[in-house]
Amino acid sequence: MWIIKLGGSFCSDPRLPDWLSLVTQLGGGRIALVCGGGLLADEVRRLQTRWALDDLPAHNMAILAMVQNAYMLHGLSPALQPVSREADVPLVLRRGGVALWMPLELLRHQPDANTNWDVTSDSIALGLAQRLNAERLVVLKACDIDADMSVRQLVEAEVLDRRFAALAQQGGLPIDVLGGYQLDDLRALLLGRAPRLAGRHDRPVS
């Protein structure tokens, strides 16, 4: 099982259909897709500042932003199979499908260590990969990615969220961070070939 986290910025990117086509063509039976909140999450941040909201309602609004974007992905690519419980992800994969995780089970009534902006969809996808004992996590970003940067450097550059590096140290699964121009590199990974570009980050976090 692989977890692929699709950055929410792709939801307004013309390359989105190409990424979805690749995932559905080559990911049957092994990929669970997690979509970020993108512009909808940015609006949550704006509203939180405007109304001085606590982090708990903002967290729940951001989770719902991820869910809304997942519904859009399903509308664009009906081959994706939505699941609202992570326990259902393996069931979809065993049937040969590509799971589309809608993280409604992460809605909270009380604040906890994860109901803040240190944890975004990046760490949420990593947490899912760890809980499901995934073989690999691939994080897709619409921006360009410097292939020489470590996971920790990507966190410091605010490409990945602030909790990501610490969370990555808790599990040994390989992590790849690919930019919006690296469609062919994801194809190579899915086909078991060496990527054309270097954007690999499965070395230890330091």
Protein backbone atom coordinates (compact mmCIF):
# COMPACT_ATOMS: atom_id res chain seq x y z
CA MET A 1 0.00 0.00 0.00
CA TRP A 2 1.17 3.49 -0.91
CA ILE A 3 -0.28 6.75 0.38
CA ILE A 4 -0.18 9.63 -2.09
CA LYS A 5 -0.89 13.08 -0.72
CA LEU A 6 -2.03 15.45 -3.47
CA GLY A 7 -1.45 19.07 -2.51
CA GLY A 8 -4.64 21.10 -2.39
CA SER A 9 -3.06 23.66 -4.73
CA PHE A 10 -3.50 21.13 -7.54
CA CYS A 11 -7.26 21.64 -7.27
CA SER A 12 -6.91 24.86 -9.28
CA ASP A 13 -3.97 23.65 -11.40
CA PRO A 14 -4.45 22.68 -15.07
CA ARG A 15 -2.18 19.66 -14.52
CA LEU A 16 -4.66 18.05 -12.10
CA PRO A 17 -6.35 15.72 -14.67
CA ASP A 18 -2.95 14.34 -15.69
CA TRP A 19 -2.05 13.46 -12.08
CA LEU A 20 -5.44 11.86 -11.46
CA SER A 21 -5.21 9.87 -14.68
CA LEU A 22 -1.80 8.53 -13.71
CA VAL A 23 -2.93 7.56 -10.20
CA THR A 24 -6.03 5.74 -11.44
CA GLN A 25 -4.22 4.00 -14.31
CA LEU A 26 -1.29 2.66 -12.28
CA GLY A 27 -2.51 2.75 -8.70
CA GLY A 28 -5.27 0.16 -8.63
CA GLY A 29 -4.95 -2.13 -5.64
CA ARG A 30 -2.19 -0.21 -3.91
CA ILE A 31 -2.81 3.55 -3.67
CA ALA A 32 -4.83 5.57 -1.18
CA LEU A 33 -5.11 9.22 -2.20
CA VAL A 34 -5.30 12.08 0.32
CA CYS A 35 -6.13 15.58 -0.91
CA GLY A 36 -5.10 18.79 0.81
CA GLY A 37 -7.37 21.72 1.58
CA GLY A 38 -5.83 24.18 -0.88
CA LEU A 39 -7.68 27.46 -1.38
CA LEU A 40 -10.49 26.31 0.90
CA ALA A 41 -8.03 25.84 3.76
CA ASP A 42 -6.53 29.26 2.98
CA GLU A 43 -10.01 30.72 3.41
CA VAL A 44 -10.28 28.97 6.78
CA ARG A 45 -7.08 30.69 7.86
CA ARG A 46 -8.45 34.04 6.70
CA LEU A 47 -11.73 33.58 8.54
CA GLN A 48 -9.95 32.44 11.69
CA THR A 49 -7.92 35.65 11.67
CA ARG A 50 -10.95 37.78 10.81
CA TRP A 51 -13.04 36.42 13.69
CA ALA A 52 -10.27 35.41 16.11
CA LEU A 53 -11.51 31.83 16.12
CA ASP A 54 -9.91 29.20 18.31
CA ASP A 55 -7.90 26.46 16.64
CA LEU A 56 -10.54 23.77 17.24
CA PRO A 57 -13.23 25.15 14.91
CA ALA A 58 -10.52 26.10 12.41
CA HIS A 59 -9.22 22.52 12.51
CA ASN A 60 -12.67 21.11 11.79
CA MET A 61 -13.22 23.61 8.99
CA ALA A 62 -9.85 22.65 7.47
CA ILE A 63 -10.72 18.95 7.63
CA LEU A 64 -13.97 19.71 5.82
CA ALA A 65 -11.94 21.63 3.21
CA MET A 66 -10.00 18.41 2.56
CA VAL A 67 -13.28 16.51 2.25
CA GLN A 68 -14.75 19.05 -0.18
CA ASN A 69 -11.68 18.84 -2.40
CA ALA A 70 -11.88 15.06 -2.28
CA TYR A 71 -15.46 15.26 -3.55
CA MET A 72 -14.21 17.42 -6.43
CA LEU A 73 -11.53 14.84 -7.26
CA HIS A 74 -14.16 12.13 -7.30
CA GLY A 75 -16.29 14.25 -9.62
CA LEU A 76 -13.34 14.59 -11.98
CA SER A 77 -12.27 10.96 -11.66
CA PRO A 78 -15.18 8.66 -10.71
CA ALA A 79 -12.79 5.68 -10.71
CA LEU A 80 -11.55 6.89 -7.32
CA GLN A 81 -13.43 5.15 -4.52
CA PRO A 82 -14.25 7.45 -1.58
CA VAL A 83 -13.92 6.12 1.96
CA SER A 84 -14.67 8.05 5.15
CA ARG A 85 -12.98 5.56 7.49
CA GLU A 86 -9.32 4.66 7.23
CA ALA A 87 -10.22 1.08 8.16
CA ASP A 88 -11.99 0.84 4.79
CA VAL A 89 -8.90 1.76 2.77
CA PRO A 90 -7.49 -1.82 2.69
CA LEU A 91 -10.90 -3.14 1.62
CA VAL A 92 -10.90 -0.91 -1.47
CA LEU A 93 -7.33 -1.91 -2.31
CA ARG A 94 -8.08 -5.61 -1.98
CA ARG A 95 -10.81 -5.13 -4.59
CA GLY A 96 -8.25 -3.55 -6.93
CA GLY A 97 -9.44 0.04 -6.56
CA VAL A 98 -7.81 3.35 -5.70
CA ALA A 99 -9.06 4.64 -2.34
CA LEU A 100 -9.89 8.32 -1.87
CA TRP A 101 -9.75 9.07 1.85
CA MET A 102 -12.20 11.64 3.21
CA PRO A 103 -10.92 12.23 6.77
CA LEU A 104 -14.23 12.92 8.48
CA GLU A 105 -13.09 10.78 11.42
CA LEU A 106 -10.55 13.51 12.24
CA LEU A 107 -13.28 15.99 13.20
CA ARG A 108 -12.94 16.77 16.90
CA HIS A 109 -15.18 17.97 19.73
CA GLN A 110 -12.24 18.76 22.01
CA PRO A 111 -8.82 20.22 21.14
CA ASP A 112 -5.78 17.95 21.12
CA ALA A 113 -2.17 18.06 19.97
CA ASN A 114 -3.24 17.87 16.31
CA THR A 115 -5.93 20.56 16.22
CA ASN A 116 -3.63 23.42 15.20
CA TRP A 117 -1.86 24.70 12.12
CA ASP A 118 1.38 22.88 12.94
CA VAL A 119 -0.46 19.86 11.54
CA THR A 120 -1.83 20.18 8.01
CA SER A 121 -2.79 17.63 5.37
CA ASP A 122 0.91 16.75 4.93
CA SER A 123 1.22 15.35 8.46
CA ILE A 124 -2.31 13.97 8.28
CA ALA A 125 -1.30 11.90 5.24
CA LEU A 126 1.91 10.79 6.96
CA GLY A 127 -0.03 9.76 10.05
CA LEU A 128 -2.40 7.72 7.89
CA ALA A 129 0.55 6.02 6.19
CA GLN A 130 2.05 5.10 9.55
CA ARG A 131 -1.20 3.79 11.02
CA LEU A 132 -1.87 1.65 7.95
CA ASN A 133 1.74 0.41 7.75
CA ALA A 134 2.06 1.76 4.23
CA GLU A 135 5.12 0.87 2.17
CA ARG A 136 5.66 4.44 0.98
CA LEU A 137 4.36 8.00 1.24
CA VAL A 138 4.53 10.27 -1.81
CA VAL A 139 3.79 13.96 -1.21
CA LEU A 140 2.92 15.86 -4.38
CA LYS A 141 3.32 19.64 -4.34
CA ALA A 142 2.20 21.97 -7.12
CA CYS A 143 5.31 24.11 -6.54
CA ASP A 144 8.81 23.20 -7.69
CA ILE A 145 10.80 21.05 -5.26
CA ASP A 146 14.56 21.28 -4.75
CA ALA A 147 15.63 17.64 -4.99
CA ASP A 148 18.68 18.29 -2.80
CA MET A 149 16.64 19.43 0.21
CA SER A 150 16.03 17.01 3.07
CA VAL A 151 12.64 16.59 4.70
CA ARG A 152 13.74 18.81 7.56
CA GLN A 153 14.89 21.50 5.14
CA LEU A 154 11.54 21.32 3.35
CA VAL A 155 9.85 21.85 6.71
CA GLU A 156 12.09 24.83 7.45
CA ALA A 157 11.23 26.24 4.00
CA GLU A 158 7.51 25.83 4.85
CA VAL A 159 6.98 23.44 1.96
CA LEU A 160 5.93 20.80 4.53
CA ASP A 161 4.15 21.58 7.80
CA ARG A 162 5.94 22.08 11.11
CA ARG A 163 5.02 18.68 12.61
CA PHE A 164 6.09 16.64 9.59
CA ALA A 165 9.78 16.11 10.38
CA ALA A 166 9.18 14.99 13.95
CA LEU A 167 6.40 12.66 12.83
CA ALA A 168 8.59 11.21 10.07
CA GLN A 169 11.15 10.17 12.68
CA GLN A 170 8.56 7.91 14.32
CA GLY A 171 8.25 5.62 11.30
CA GLY A 172 10.72 4.20 8.83
CA LEU A 173 8.66 4.31 5.65
CA PRO A 174 10.24 5.94 2.58
CA ILE A 175 8.97 9.44 1.82
CA ASP A 176 9.15 11.10 -1.58
CA VAL A 177 8.34 14.78 -2.11
CA LEU A 178 7.73 15.60 -5.78
CA GLY A 179 6.97 18.91 -7.48
CA GLY A 180 4.26 19.73 -9.96
CA TYR A 181 6.54 19.13 -12.95
CA GLN A 182 7.51 15.59 -11.84
CA LEU A 183 4.65 13.59 -13.28
CA ASP A 184 7.11 11.32 -15.08
CA ASP A 185 8.96 10.70 -11.82
CA LEU A 186 5.79 9.49 -10.12
CA ARG A 187 5.13 7.25 -13.13
CA ALA A 188 8.63 5.82 -12.79
CA LEU A 189 8.12 5.15 -9.08
CA LEU A 190 4.82 3.40 -9.70
CA LEU A 191 6.42 1.27 -12.42
CA GLY A 192 9.33 0.37 -10.14
CA ARG A 193 11.88 2.34 -12.12
CA ALA A 194 14.39 4.94 -10.99
CA PRO A 195 12.91 8.44 -11.30
CA ARG A 196 14.37 10.68 -14.01
CA LEU A 197 14.79 13.49 -11.50
CA ALA A 198 16.29 13.24 -8.06
CA GLY A 199 13.32 14.43 -5.94
CA ARG A 200 13.67 11.53 -3.48
CA HIS A 201 13.57 12.08 0.26
CA ASP A 202 13.64 8.59 1.73
CA ARG A 203 16.90 9.16 3.56
CA PRO A 204 16.76 9.61 7.34
CA VAL A 205 15.41 12.93 8.58
CA SER A 206 18.20 15.08 9.99
